[in-house]
Amino acid sequence: MAIHFEWYETPVAPHQPEEKTLHARISFNGKTDTAQLRKKIQERCTLSETDVVAVLDALSRVMGEELADGRQVHLDGIGYFHPTLTCTEIIKEDTKQKNAKVRLKSIKFRADKKLNSSVGEVKVQHVKHNEHSSRLSPEEIDRYLTEYFSTHRFMTRADFQKGCGLLRNTAMNHLRRLVAEGKIKNIGLRMQPIYVPLPGYYGVDAENAIDQ
């Protein structure tokens, strides 16, 4: 077997050179679930499959408790796990109740050298699939948004992504560009943006623009 990958165009900021570069991105070759892992572990040790189930369940619970206490968890031969935080809105020095706006963002993982070594030398194979973003020019995106905002007052990232046929990261790059160009603005939260057009763009003038 080999690690499958596809070539993707690397996004660049508007002010950067227009020369296109490519990067390799993994196209996952299936998924191994917990039941399969349990069976493979049982085959490599003296534990019964029921014992393996109990151990994995206990490991998940204990790790959750340690991470909830703000500790880094290290599993020998596997790697390091640690919690990361985010804020529900942009925080300033004078923001009230700042502490109440902090939330768990995710659990990050960094592999041990031993795990990297156990993967060993891998083969890679280029495959083609249809999960690329549409290659829309800025002009084509402007035309789509003009049509969209003729019947909608708001737009979410998901609306934009689906309407333009983009992958999530590509959609976010375009939205950041449009905000920087002063064509749209976010009137929602940083982590839950809601976009509206600014006056002079996409058929919106100063009289019917949403003032937030």
N, C-alpha and C. Protein backbone atom coordinates (compact mmCIF):
# COMPACT_ATOMS: atom_id res chain seq x y z
N MET A 1 0.85 -1.21 0.00
CA MET A 1 0.00 0.00 0.00
C MET A 1 0.88 1.25 0.00
N ALA A 2 0.26 2.37 -0.33
CA ALA A 2 0.99 3.62 -0.38
C ALA A 2 0.10 4.74 0.14
N ILE A 3 0.72 5.86 0.50
CA ILE A 3 -0.02 7.05 0.88
C ILE A 3 -0.46 7.77 -0.39
N HIS A 4 -1.77 7.91 -0.58
CA HIS A 4 -2.29 8.59 -1.76
C HIS A 4 -2.26 10.10 -1.55
N PHE A 5 -1.96 10.82 -2.62
CA PHE A 5 -1.96 12.27 -2.52
C PHE A 5 -2.40 12.89 -3.83
N GLU A 6 -2.78 14.15 -3.75
CA GLU A 6 -3.17 14.92 -4.94
C GLU A 6 -2.48 16.26 -4.87
N TRP A 7 -2.28 16.87 -6.04
CA TRP A 7 -1.66 18.19 -6.10
C TRP A 7 -2.74 19.27 -5.99
N TYR A 8 -2.47 20.28 -5.17
CA TYR A 8 -3.38 21.41 -5.00
C TYR A 8 -2.61 22.71 -5.23
N GLU A 9 -3.31 23.68 -5.76
CA GLU A 9 -2.71 25.00 -5.96
C GLU A 9 -2.59 25.71 -4.62
N THR A 10 -1.42 26.24 -4.32
CA THR A 10 -1.19 26.91 -3.04
C THR A 10 -1.78 28.32 -3.08
N PRO A 11 -2.69 28.65 -2.15
CA PRO A 11 -3.28 30.00 -2.14
C PRO A 11 -2.21 31.05 -1.84
N VAL A 12 -2.34 32.20 -2.47
CA VAL A 12 -1.42 33.32 -2.22
C VAL A 12 -2.22 34.57 -1.94
N ALA A 13 -1.64 35.48 -1.18
CA ALA A 13 -2.29 36.74 -0.88
C ALA A 13 -2.34 37.60 -2.15
N PRO A 14 -3.30 38.53 -2.24
CA PRO A 14 -3.44 39.35 -3.46
C PRO A 14 -2.19 40.11 -3.84
N HIS A 15 -1.38 40.54 -2.85
CA HIS A 15 -0.20 41.35 -3.16
C HIS A 15 1.01 40.52 -3.55
N GLN A 16 0.93 39.20 -3.44
CA GLN A 16 2.06 38.35 -3.77
C GLN A 16 2.11 38.06 -5.26
N PRO A 17 3.27 37.60 -5.76
CA PRO A 17 3.41 37.30 -7.19
C PRO A 17 2.34 36.30 -7.64
N GLU A 18 1.95 36.40 -8.90
CA GLU A 18 0.90 35.56 -9.43
C GLU A 18 1.38 34.18 -9.86
N GLU A 19 2.67 33.91 -9.79
CA GLU A 19 3.18 32.61 -10.20
C GLU A 19 2.59 31.53 -9.29
N LYS A 20 1.99 30.52 -9.90
CA LYS A 20 1.31 29.47 -9.15
C LYS A 20 2.29 28.40 -8.68
N THR A 21 2.11 27.97 -7.45
CA THR A 21 2.88 26.84 -6.92
C THR A 21 1.91 25.78 -6.44
N LEU A 22 2.39 24.55 -6.37
CA LEU A 22 1.55 23.43 -5.96
C LEU A 22 2.06 22.81 -4.68
N HIS A 23 1.17 22.18 -3.92
CA HIS A 23 1.59 21.42 -2.75
C HIS A 23 0.84 20.10 -2.73
N ALA A 24 1.47 19.09 -2.12
CA ALA A 24 0.87 17.75 -2.05
C ALA A 24 -0.01 17.66 -0.82
N ARG A 25 -1.20 17.09 -0.99
CA ARG A 25 -2.13 16.90 0.11
C ARG A 25 -2.63 15.46 0.11
N ILE A 26 -2.63 14.85 1.29
CA ILE A 26 -3.03 13.44 1.40
C ILE A 26 -4.50 13.26 1.03
N SER A 27 -4.77 12.21 0.26
CA SER A 27 -6.12 11.74 0.00
C SER A 27 -6.26 10.43 0.77
N PHE A 28 -6.94 10.48 1.91
CA PHE A 28 -6.91 9.35 2.85
C PHE A 28 -7.40 8.06 2.20
N ASN A 29 -6.61 7.02 2.41
CA ASN A 29 -6.86 5.72 1.81
C ASN A 29 -7.68 4.86 2.78
N GLY A 30 -8.93 5.30 3.03
CA GLY A 30 -9.79 4.57 3.95
C GLY A 30 -9.62 5.03 5.38
N LYS A 31 -10.23 4.29 6.32
CA LYS A 31 -10.21 4.64 7.73
C LYS A 31 -10.18 3.35 8.57
N THR A 32 -9.38 3.38 9.62
CA THR A 32 -9.33 2.26 10.57
C THR A 32 -10.10 2.67 11.82
N ASP A 33 -11.15 1.91 12.17
CA ASP A 33 -11.95 2.29 13.32
C ASP A 33 -11.48 1.57 14.58
N THR A 34 -12.14 1.86 15.70
CA THR A 34 -11.72 1.31 16.99
C THR A 34 -11.81 -0.21 17.02
N ALA A 35 -12.85 -0.76 16.43
CA ALA A 35 -13.02 -2.21 16.43
C ALA A 35 -11.84 -2.90 15.73
N GLN A 36 -11.40 -2.32 14.63
CA GLN A 36 -10.27 -2.90 13.90
C GLN A 36 -8.98 -2.78 14.72
N LEU A 37 -8.81 -1.63 15.37
CA LEU A 37 -7.63 -1.46 16.22
C LEU A 37 -7.64 -2.44 17.38
N ARG A 38 -8.79 -2.63 18.01
CA ARG A 38 -8.89 -3.59 19.12
C ARG A 38 -8.44 -4.98 18.67
N LYS A 39 -8.91 -5.39 17.51
CA LYS A 39 -8.58 -6.72 17.01
C LYS A 39 -7.07 -6.86 16.74
N LYS A 40 -6.49 -5.83 16.15
CA LYS A 40 -5.07 -5.86 15.83
C LYS A 40 -4.22 -5.85 17.10
N ILE A 41 -4.66 -5.07 18.12
CA ILE A 41 -3.93 -5.05 19.39
C ILE A 41 -4.02 -6.41 20.07
N GLN A 42 -5.21 -7.00 20.09
CA GLN A 42 -5.40 -8.30 20.73
C GLN A 42 -4.52 -9.36 20.10
N GLU A 43 -4.32 -9.28 18.80
CA GLU A 43 -3.51 -10.26 18.09
C GLU A 43 -2.02 -10.14 18.44
N ARG A 44 -1.63 -9.00 19.02
CA ARG A 44 -0.21 -8.75 19.28
C ARG A 44 0.13 -8.82 20.77
N CYS A 45 -0.82 -9.24 21.61
CA CYS A 45 -0.55 -9.34 23.04
C CYS A 45 -1.37 -10.47 23.64
N THR A 46 -1.25 -10.65 24.96
CA THR A 46 -1.95 -11.75 25.64
C THR A 46 -3.33 -11.35 26.16
N LEU A 47 -3.72 -10.10 25.98
CA LEU A 47 -5.02 -9.65 26.44
C LEU A 47 -6.13 -10.19 25.54
N SER A 48 -7.28 -10.43 26.13
CA SER A 48 -8.44 -10.77 25.31
C SER A 48 -8.98 -9.50 24.68
N GLU A 49 -9.83 -9.65 23.68
CA GLU A 49 -10.40 -8.46 23.03
C GLU A 49 -11.25 -7.67 24.02
N THR A 50 -11.91 -8.36 24.95
CA THR A 50 -12.69 -7.67 25.99
C THR A 50 -11.78 -6.84 26.88
N ASP A 51 -10.60 -7.40 27.22
CA ASP A 51 -9.63 -6.64 28.02
C ASP A 51 -9.16 -5.39 27.28
N VAL A 52 -8.93 -5.54 25.98
CA VAL A 52 -8.47 -4.39 25.18
C VAL A 52 -9.54 -3.30 25.17
N VAL A 53 -10.80 -3.71 25.04
CA VAL A 53 -11.91 -2.74 25.07
C VAL A 53 -11.88 -1.97 26.39
N ALA A 54 -11.71 -2.69 27.50
CA ALA A 54 -11.70 -2.05 28.82
C ALA A 54 -10.53 -1.09 28.97
N VAL A 55 -9.36 -1.51 28.48
CA VAL A 55 -8.17 -0.66 28.59
C VAL A 55 -8.34 0.62 27.77
N LEU A 56 -8.82 0.49 26.53
CA LEU A 56 -8.99 1.67 25.68
C LEU A 56 -10.03 2.62 26.27
N ASP A 57 -11.10 2.06 26.84
CA ASP A 57 -12.13 2.89 27.46
C ASP A 57 -11.57 3.63 28.67
N ALA A 58 -10.80 2.91 29.50
CA ALA A 58 -10.20 3.55 30.67
C ALA A 58 -9.19 4.61 30.26
N LEU A 59 -8.41 4.32 29.21
CA LEU A 59 -7.42 5.28 28.73
C LEU A 59 -8.10 6.57 28.28
N SER A 60 -9.20 6.44 27.54
CA SER A 60 -9.92 7.63 27.07
C SER A 60 -10.43 8.46 28.24
N ARG A 61 -10.98 7.80 29.26
CA ARG A 61 -11.53 8.52 30.40
C ARG A 61 -10.43 9.21 31.21
N VAL A 62 -9.34 8.49 31.46
CA VAL A 62 -8.25 9.07 32.27
C VAL A 62 -7.60 10.23 31.52
N MET A 63 -7.38 10.07 30.22
CA MET A 63 -6.79 11.17 29.45
C MET A 63 -7.70 12.39 29.48
N GLY A 64 -9.01 12.17 29.36
CA GLY A 64 -9.95 13.28 29.42
C GLY A 64 -9.87 14.03 30.74
N GLU A 65 -9.74 13.30 31.83
CA GLU A 65 -9.64 13.92 33.14
C GLU A 65 -8.36 14.75 33.26
N GLU A 66 -7.25 14.19 32.80
CA GLU A 66 -5.97 14.91 32.90
C GLU A 66 -5.96 16.15 32.01
N LEU A 67 -6.47 16.02 30.79
CA LEU A 67 -6.51 17.16 29.88
C LEU A 67 -7.44 18.25 30.41
N ALA A 68 -8.54 17.83 31.06
CA ALA A 68 -9.48 18.80 31.63
C ALA A 68 -8.84 19.60 32.76
N ASP A 69 -7.80 19.06 33.38
CA ASP A 69 -7.06 19.76 34.43
C ASP A 69 -5.90 20.58 33.87
N GLY A 70 -5.83 20.68 32.54
CA GLY A 70 -4.81 21.51 31.91
C GLY A 70 -3.45 20.87 31.82
N ARG A 71 -3.40 19.54 31.92
CA ARG A 71 -2.11 18.85 31.84
C ARG A 71 -1.82 18.37 30.43
N GLN A 72 -0.56 18.31 30.11
CA GLN A 72 -0.11 17.65 28.89
C GLN A 72 -0.01 16.16 29.17
N VAL A 73 -0.52 15.33 28.27
CA VAL A 73 -0.48 13.88 28.45
C VAL A 73 0.49 13.28 27.44
N HIS A 74 1.44 12.49 27.96
CA HIS A 74 2.42 11.84 27.08
C HIS A 74 2.26 10.34 27.15
N LEU A 75 2.03 9.72 25.98
CA LEU A 75 1.99 8.27 25.87
C LEU A 75 3.28 7.82 25.19
N ASP A 76 4.11 7.08 25.92
CA ASP A 76 5.38 6.63 25.36
C ASP A 76 5.17 5.91 24.04
N GLY A 77 5.95 6.30 23.06
CA GLY A 77 5.88 5.66 21.76
C GLY A 77 4.76 6.16 20.88
N ILE A 78 3.89 7.00 21.43
CA ILE A 78 2.77 7.54 20.64
C ILE A 78 2.91 9.05 20.48
N GLY A 79 2.86 9.79 21.59
CA GLY A 79 3.04 11.22 21.46
C GLY A 79 2.45 12.01 22.59
N TYR A 80 2.37 13.31 22.39
CA TYR A 80 1.92 14.26 23.39
C TYR A 80 0.56 14.84 23.01
N PHE A 81 -0.33 14.92 23.99
CA PHE A 81 -1.65 15.53 23.81
C PHE A 81 -1.74 16.73 24.74
N HIS A 82 -2.32 17.84 24.27
CA HIS A 82 -2.54 18.97 25.15
C HIS A 82 -3.74 19.78 24.68
N PRO A 83 -4.47 20.41 25.62
CA PRO A 83 -5.64 21.21 25.24
C PRO A 83 -5.22 22.58 24.74
N THR A 84 -6.04 23.14 23.85
CA THR A 84 -5.85 24.52 23.39
C THR A 84 -7.15 25.28 23.62
N LEU A 85 -7.04 26.60 23.75
CA LEU A 85 -8.19 27.44 24.07
C LEU A 85 -8.52 28.40 22.94
N THR A 86 -9.73 28.91 22.96
CA THR A 86 -10.15 29.95 22.04
C THR A 86 -11.11 30.88 22.78
N CYS A 87 -11.39 32.02 22.18
CA CYS A 87 -12.34 32.97 22.76
C CYS A 87 -13.58 33.05 21.88
N THR A 88 -14.72 33.27 22.49
CA THR A 88 -15.98 33.31 21.74
C THR A 88 -16.16 34.62 20.99
N GLU A 89 -15.31 35.60 21.26
CA GLU A 89 -15.37 36.87 20.54
C GLU A 89 -14.01 37.55 20.68
N ILE A 90 -13.83 38.64 19.95
CA ILE A 90 -12.58 39.40 20.06
C ILE A 90 -12.52 40.04 21.44
N ILE A 91 -11.40 39.80 22.14
CA ILE A 91 -11.25 40.30 23.51
C ILE A 91 -10.31 41.50 23.53
N LYS A 92 -10.74 42.55 24.21
CA LYS A 92 -9.91 43.73 24.41
C LYS A 92 -9.66 43.91 25.90
N GLU A 93 -8.78 44.83 26.23
CA GLU A 93 -8.43 45.03 27.63
C GLU A 93 -9.64 45.42 28.47
N ASP A 94 -10.56 46.18 27.87
CA ASP A 94 -11.72 46.65 28.63
C ASP A 94 -12.96 45.76 28.44
N THR A 95 -12.81 44.61 27.80
CA THR A 95 -13.94 43.70 27.63
C THR A 95 -14.39 43.18 28.99
N LYS A 96 -15.70 43.20 29.20
CA LYS A 96 -16.22 42.74 30.48
C LYS A 96 -16.33 41.22 30.50
N GLN A 97 -16.12 40.65 31.67
CA GLN A 97 -16.23 39.20 31.89
C GLN A 97 -15.39 38.41 30.87
N LYS A 98 -14.14 38.82 30.73
CA LYS A 98 -13.26 38.17 29.75
C LYS A 98 -13.12 36.68 30.03
N ASN A 99 -12.98 36.33 31.29
CA ASN A 99 -12.75 34.92 31.62
C ASN A 99 -13.89 34.01 31.18
N ALA A 100 -15.12 34.55 31.17
CA ALA A 100 -16.28 33.74 30.80
C ALA A 100 -16.36 33.50 29.30
N LYS A 101 -15.50 34.15 28.53
CA LYS A 101 -15.55 34.02 27.08
C LYS A 101 -14.47 33.09 26.54
N VAL A 102 -13.80 32.38 27.43
CA VAL A 102 -12.75 31.43 27.03
C VAL A 102 -13.34 30.03 26.97
N ARG A 103 -13.07 29.30 25.90
CA ARG A 103 -13.59 27.95 25.71
C ARG A 103 -12.48 27.01 25.25
N LEU A 104 -12.71 25.73 25.45
CA LEU A 104 -11.82 24.72 24.89
C LEU A 104 -11.96 24.74 23.37
N LYS A 105 -10.84 24.81 22.67
CA LYS A 105 -10.87 24.80 21.20
C LYS A 105 -10.70 23.38 20.67
N SER A 106 -9.62 22.73 21.07
CA SER A 106 -9.36 21.38 20.56
C SER A 106 -8.28 20.72 21.40
N ILE A 107 -8.04 19.46 21.11
CA ILE A 107 -6.92 18.73 21.70
C ILE A 107 -5.87 18.53 20.61
N LYS A 108 -4.69 19.07 20.83
CA LYS A 108 -3.62 18.97 19.85
C LYS A 108 -2.77 17.72 20.14
N PHE A 109 -2.17 17.20 19.09
CA PHE A 109 -1.34 16.01 19.21
C PHE A 109 -0.01 16.23 18.50
N ARG A 110 1.08 15.81 19.16
CA ARG A 110 2.40 15.83 18.55
C ARG A 110 3.02 14.45 18.68
N ALA A 111 3.35 13.85 17.58
CA ALA A 111 3.81 12.46 17.59
C ALA A 111 5.20 12.31 18.21
N ASP A 112 5.39 11.20 18.91
CA ASP A 112 6.70 10.82 19.41
C ASP A 112 7.62 10.43 18.26
N LYS A 113 8.91 10.57 18.47
CA LYS A 113 9.86 10.13 17.45
C LYS A 113 9.71 8.64 17.18
N LYS A 114 9.39 7.87 18.23
CA LYS A 114 9.24 6.43 18.07
C LYS A 114 8.08 6.10 17.14
N LEU A 115 6.97 6.86 17.24
CA LEU A 115 5.83 6.64 16.35
C LEU A 115 6.21 6.98 14.92
N ASN A 116 6.90 8.09 14.74
CA ASN A 116 7.35 8.45 13.39
C ASN A 116 8.26 7.37 12.81
N SER A 117 9.14 6.83 13.68
CA SER A 117 10.05 5.79 13.21
C SER A 117 9.31 4.51 12.86
N SER A 118 8.25 4.18 13.63
CA SER A 118 7.52 2.95 13.38
C SER A 118 6.76 2.99 12.07
N VAL A 119 6.42 4.21 11.62
CA VAL A 119 5.78 4.33 10.30
C VAL A 119 6.77 3.92 9.22
N GLY A 120 8.04 4.24 9.46
CA GLY A 120 9.09 3.80 8.56
C GLY A 120 9.05 4.52 7.22
N GLU A 121 9.74 3.96 6.27
CA GLU A 121 9.79 4.53 4.93
C GLU A 121 8.50 4.19 4.20
N VAL A 122 7.85 5.18 3.67
CA VAL A 122 6.56 4.96 3.03
C VAL A 122 6.64 5.20 1.53
N LYS A 123 5.71 4.60 0.83
CA LYS A 123 5.55 4.85 -0.59
C LYS A 123 4.43 5.85 -0.78
N VAL A 124 4.54 6.68 -1.79
CA VAL A 124 3.49 7.64 -2.09
C VAL A 124 3.00 7.41 -3.51
N GLN A 125 1.72 7.67 -3.73
CA GLN A 125 1.13 7.44 -5.04
C GLN A 125 0.19 8.58 -5.38
N HIS A 126 0.39 9.18 -6.54
CA HIS A 126 -0.46 10.27 -6.97
C HIS A 126 -1.78 9.72 -7.49
N VAL A 127 -2.90 10.26 -6.99
CA VAL A 127 -4.22 9.86 -7.47
C VAL A 127 -4.99 11.11 -7.86
N LYS A 128 -5.95 10.93 -8.72
CA LYS A 128 -6.79 12.05 -9.14
C LYS A 128 -8.20 11.84 -8.61
N HIS A 129 -8.81 12.90 -8.11
CA HIS A 129 -10.19 12.84 -7.64
C HIS A 129 -10.86 14.15 -7.95
N ASN A 130 -12.11 14.27 -7.58
CA ASN A 130 -12.90 15.44 -7.96
C ASN A 130 -13.22 16.35 -6.78
N GLU A 131 -12.31 16.40 -5.77
CA GLU A 131 -12.60 17.18 -4.58
C GLU A 131 -11.89 18.54 -4.57
N HIS A 132 -11.39 18.95 -5.73
CA HIS A 132 -10.76 20.26 -5.80
C HIS A 132 -11.81 21.36 -5.72
N SER A 133 -11.38 22.53 -5.28
CA SER A 133 -12.25 23.69 -5.36
C SER A 133 -12.40 24.11 -6.82
N SER A 134 -13.53 24.74 -7.10
CA SER A 134 -13.71 25.34 -8.42
C SER A 134 -12.67 26.44 -8.60
N ARG A 135 -12.17 26.58 -9.80
CA ARG A 135 -11.17 27.61 -10.08
C ARG A 135 -11.89 28.87 -10.56
N LEU A 136 -12.41 29.63 -9.61
CA LEU A 136 -13.13 30.84 -9.95
C LEU A 136 -12.21 32.04 -9.83
N SER A 137 -12.31 32.94 -10.79
CA SER A 137 -11.54 34.18 -10.74
C SER A 137 -12.23 35.15 -9.80
N PRO A 138 -11.52 36.18 -9.32
CA PRO A 138 -12.16 37.19 -8.49
C PRO A 138 -13.37 37.83 -9.17
N GLU A 139 -13.29 38.01 -10.49
CA GLU A 139 -14.41 38.59 -11.22
C GLU A 139 -15.62 37.67 -11.20
N GLU A 140 -15.40 36.36 -11.35
CA GLU A 140 -16.50 35.40 -11.30
C GLU A 140 -17.13 35.37 -9.92
N ILE A 141 -16.30 35.47 -8.88
CA ILE A 141 -16.83 35.50 -7.51
C ILE A 141 -17.65 36.76 -7.29
N ASP A 142 -17.17 37.90 -7.81
CA ASP A 142 -17.94 39.14 -7.69
C ASP A 142 -19.31 39.02 -8.36
N ARG A 143 -19.34 38.38 -9.53
CA ARG A 143 -20.62 38.22 -10.22
C ARG A 143 -21.56 37.32 -9.41
N TYR A 144 -21.01 36.25 -8.83
CA TYR A 144 -21.84 35.37 -8.00
C TYR A 144 -22.40 36.13 -6.80
N LEU A 145 -21.57 36.94 -6.13
CA LEU A 145 -22.02 37.66 -4.94
C LEU A 145 -23.06 38.73 -5.29
N THR A 146 -22.90 39.35 -6.46
CA THR A 146 -23.91 40.33 -6.89
C THR A 146 -25.26 39.67 -7.04
N GLU A 147 -25.27 38.48 -7.64
CA GLU A 147 -26.52 37.74 -7.80
C GLU A 147 -27.04 37.26 -6.44
N TYR A 148 -26.13 36.78 -5.58
CA TYR A 148 -26.54 36.25 -4.27
C TYR A 148 -27.19 37.35 -3.43
N PHE A 149 -26.52 38.50 -3.34
CA PHE A 149 -27.03 39.56 -2.46
C PHE A 149 -28.23 40.30 -3.05
N SER A 150 -28.60 39.97 -4.28
CA SER A 150 -29.83 40.55 -4.83
C SER A 150 -31.07 39.92 -4.19
N THR A 151 -30.90 38.74 -3.58
CA THR A 151 -32.03 38.06 -2.93
C THR A 151 -31.75 37.69 -1.48
N HIS A 152 -30.54 37.97 -0.97
CA HIS A 152 -30.19 37.65 0.42
C HIS A 152 -29.56 38.88 1.07
N ARG A 153 -29.80 39.05 2.36
CA ARG A 153 -29.18 40.16 3.09
C ARG A 153 -27.90 39.72 3.80
N PHE A 154 -27.80 38.43 4.13
CA PHE A 154 -26.65 37.92 4.87
C PHE A 154 -26.05 36.74 4.12
N MET A 155 -24.80 36.42 4.48
CA MET A 155 -24.14 35.26 3.90
C MET A 155 -23.20 34.64 4.93
N THR A 156 -23.30 33.33 5.10
CA THR A 156 -22.37 32.62 5.97
C THR A 156 -21.23 32.04 5.14
N ARG A 157 -20.21 31.57 5.83
CA ARG A 157 -19.12 30.90 5.11
C ARG A 157 -19.62 29.69 4.36
N ALA A 158 -20.53 28.93 4.98
CA ALA A 158 -21.07 27.73 4.33
C ALA A 158 -21.84 28.09 3.06
N ASP A 159 -22.62 29.20 3.11
CA ASP A 159 -23.35 29.66 1.93
C ASP A 159 -22.38 29.95 0.78
N PHE A 160 -21.32 30.68 1.10
CA PHE A 160 -20.33 31.07 0.10
C PHE A 160 -19.60 29.85 -0.45
N GLN A 161 -19.20 28.97 0.44
CA GLN A 161 -18.47 27.77 0.04
C GLN A 161 -19.30 26.91 -0.90
N LYS A 162 -20.56 26.69 -0.55
CA LYS A 162 -21.43 25.84 -1.36
C LYS A 162 -21.76 26.51 -2.69
N GLY A 163 -22.08 27.79 -2.65
CA GLY A 163 -22.47 28.50 -3.86
C GLY A 163 -21.36 28.59 -4.89
N CYS A 164 -20.11 28.70 -4.42
CA CYS A 164 -18.99 28.82 -5.34
C CYS A 164 -18.29 27.49 -5.61
N GLY A 165 -18.73 26.43 -4.94
CA GLY A 165 -18.11 25.12 -5.16
C GLY A 165 -16.68 25.06 -4.68
N LEU A 166 -16.43 25.59 -3.47
CA LEU A 166 -15.07 25.68 -2.93
C LEU A 166 -14.88 24.74 -1.76
N LEU A 167 -13.63 24.36 -1.51
CA LEU A 167 -13.29 23.71 -0.27
C LEU A 167 -13.23 24.76 0.83
N ARG A 168 -13.31 24.30 2.09
CA ARG A 168 -13.41 25.23 3.22
C ARG A 168 -12.25 26.23 3.26
N ASN A 169 -11.00 25.75 3.17
CA ASN A 169 -9.85 26.64 3.27
C ASN A 169 -9.83 27.66 2.14
N THR A 170 -10.17 27.22 0.93
CA THR A 170 -10.20 28.13 -0.20
C THR A 170 -11.28 29.19 -0.01
N ALA A 171 -12.44 28.77 0.50
CA ALA A 171 -13.52 29.73 0.76
C ALA A 171 -13.09 30.77 1.78
N MET A 172 -12.42 30.33 2.85
CA MET A 172 -11.98 31.26 3.88
C MET A 172 -10.95 32.24 3.34
N ASN A 173 -10.05 31.77 2.47
CA ASN A 173 -9.05 32.66 1.87
C ASN A 173 -9.72 33.75 1.04
N HIS A 174 -10.75 33.38 0.25
CA HIS A 174 -11.46 34.37 -0.55
C HIS A 174 -12.22 35.35 0.34
N LEU A 175 -12.85 34.85 1.40
CA LEU A 175 -13.60 35.74 2.29
C LEU A 175 -12.67 36.74 2.97
N ARG A 176 -11.50 36.28 3.41
CA ARG A 176 -10.53 37.21 4.01
C ARG A 176 -10.08 38.26 3.00
N ARG A 177 -9.91 37.83 1.75
CA ARG A 177 -9.53 38.78 0.70
C ARG A 177 -10.61 39.82 0.49
N LEU A 178 -11.87 39.38 0.44
CA LEU A 178 -12.98 40.30 0.21
C LEU A 178 -13.15 41.29 1.35
N VAL A 179 -12.91 40.82 2.59
CA VAL A 179 -12.96 41.72 3.74
C VAL A 179 -11.84 42.76 3.66
N ALA A 180 -10.63 42.29 3.31
CA ALA A 180 -9.48 43.19 3.20
C ALA A 180 -9.68 44.23 2.10
N GLU A 181 -10.38 43.84 1.05
CA GLU A 181 -10.64 44.77 -0.06
C GLU A 181 -11.80 45.72 0.24
N GLY A 182 -12.45 45.55 1.38
CA GLY A 182 -13.53 46.44 1.77
C GLY A 182 -14.83 46.19 1.02
N LYS A 183 -15.03 44.97 0.53
CA LYS A 183 -16.25 44.65 -0.22
C LYS A 183 -17.33 44.05 0.68
N ILE A 184 -16.91 43.32 1.71
CA ILE A 184 -17.86 42.74 2.66
C ILE A 184 -17.31 42.96 4.07
N LYS A 185 -18.17 42.75 5.06
CA LYS A 185 -17.70 42.82 6.45
C LYS A 185 -18.42 41.77 7.27
N ASN A 186 -17.81 41.38 8.35
CA ASN A 186 -18.37 40.39 9.27
C ASN A 186 -19.12 41.12 10.37
N ILE A 187 -20.43 40.87 10.47
CA ILE A 187 -21.21 41.48 11.55
C ILE A 187 -21.55 40.45 12.63
N GLY A 188 -21.00 39.23 12.48
CA GLY A 188 -21.21 38.20 13.48
C GLY A 188 -20.01 38.07 14.39
N LEU A 189 -19.85 36.92 15.00
CA LEU A 189 -18.72 36.65 15.86
C LEU A 189 -17.52 36.21 15.03
N ARG A 190 -16.34 36.27 15.62
CA ARG A 190 -15.14 35.88 14.90
C ARG A 190 -15.18 34.41 14.50
N MET A 191 -15.69 33.56 15.40
CA MET A 191 -15.76 32.13 15.11
C MET A 191 -17.07 31.74 14.42
N GLN A 192 -18.03 32.66 14.35
CA GLN A 192 -19.29 32.42 13.67
C GLN A 192 -19.63 33.64 12.82
N PRO A 193 -18.85 33.86 11.76
CA PRO A 193 -19.02 35.07 10.96
C PRO A 193 -20.30 35.08 10.15
N ILE A 194 -20.85 36.28 10.00
CA ILE A 194 -21.99 36.53 9.12
C ILE A 194 -21.59 37.74 8.26
N TYR A 195 -21.57 37.56 6.97
CA TYR A 195 -21.04 38.59 6.07
C TYR A 195 -22.16 39.37 5.39
N VAL A 196 -21.94 40.67 5.27
CA VAL A 196 -22.85 41.53 4.52
C VAL A 196 -22.01 42.40 3.58
N PRO A 197 -22.58 42.83 2.46
CA PRO A 197 -21.82 43.69 1.53
C PRO A 197 -21.74 45.11 2.03
N LEU A 198 -20.66 45.77 1.71
CA LEU A 198 -20.49 47.18 2.06
C LEU A 198 -21.02 48.04 0.92
N PRO A 199 -21.40 49.28 1.23
CA PRO A 199 -21.96 50.17 0.20
C PRO A 199 -21.05 50.28 -1.01
N GLY A 200 -21.65 50.20 -2.19
CA GLY A 200 -20.89 50.31 -3.43
C GLY A 200 -20.55 48.98 -4.06
N TYR A 201 -20.89 47.90 -3.35
CA TYR A 201 -20.55 46.57 -3.88
C TYR A 201 -21.78 45.67 -3.88
N TYR A 202 -21.84 44.86 -4.91
CA TYR A 202 -22.85 43.80 -5.03
C TYR A 202 -24.28 44.34 -4.98
N GLY A 203 -24.47 45.52 -5.61
CA GLY A 203 -25.79 46.09 -5.72
C GLY A 203 -26.30 46.78 -4.49
N VAL A 204 -25.43 47.01 -3.50
CA VAL A 204 -25.84 47.65 -2.25
C VAL A 204 -25.33 49.08 -2.21
N ASP A 205 -26.23 50.02 -1.92
CA ASP A 205 -25.82 51.40 -1.75
C ASP A 205 -25.91 51.80 -0.29
N ALA A 206 -25.54 53.04 0.02
CA ALA A 206 -25.49 53.50 1.40
C ALA A 206 -26.86 53.46 2.06
N GLU A 207 -27.92 53.62 1.27
CA GLU A 207 -29.26 53.69 1.84
C GLU A 207 -29.75 52.34 2.34
N ASN A 208 -29.42 51.26 1.61
CA ASN A 208 -29.93 49.94 2.03
C ASN A 208 -28.85 49.04 2.62
N ALA A 209 -27.67 49.60 2.92
CA ALA A 209 -26.62 48.80 3.56
C ALA A 209 -27.00 48.55 5.01
N ILE A 210 -26.59 47.41 5.51
CA ILE A 210 -26.84 47.06 6.92
C ILE A 210 -25.78 47.73 7.77
N ASP A 211 -26.20 48.55 8.69
CA ASP A 211 -25.27 49.30 9.55
C ASP A 211 -25.09 48.58 10.86
N GLN A 212 -23.91 48.00 11.07
CA GLN A 212 -23.62 47.28 12.32
C GLN A 212 -22.30 47.80 12.85
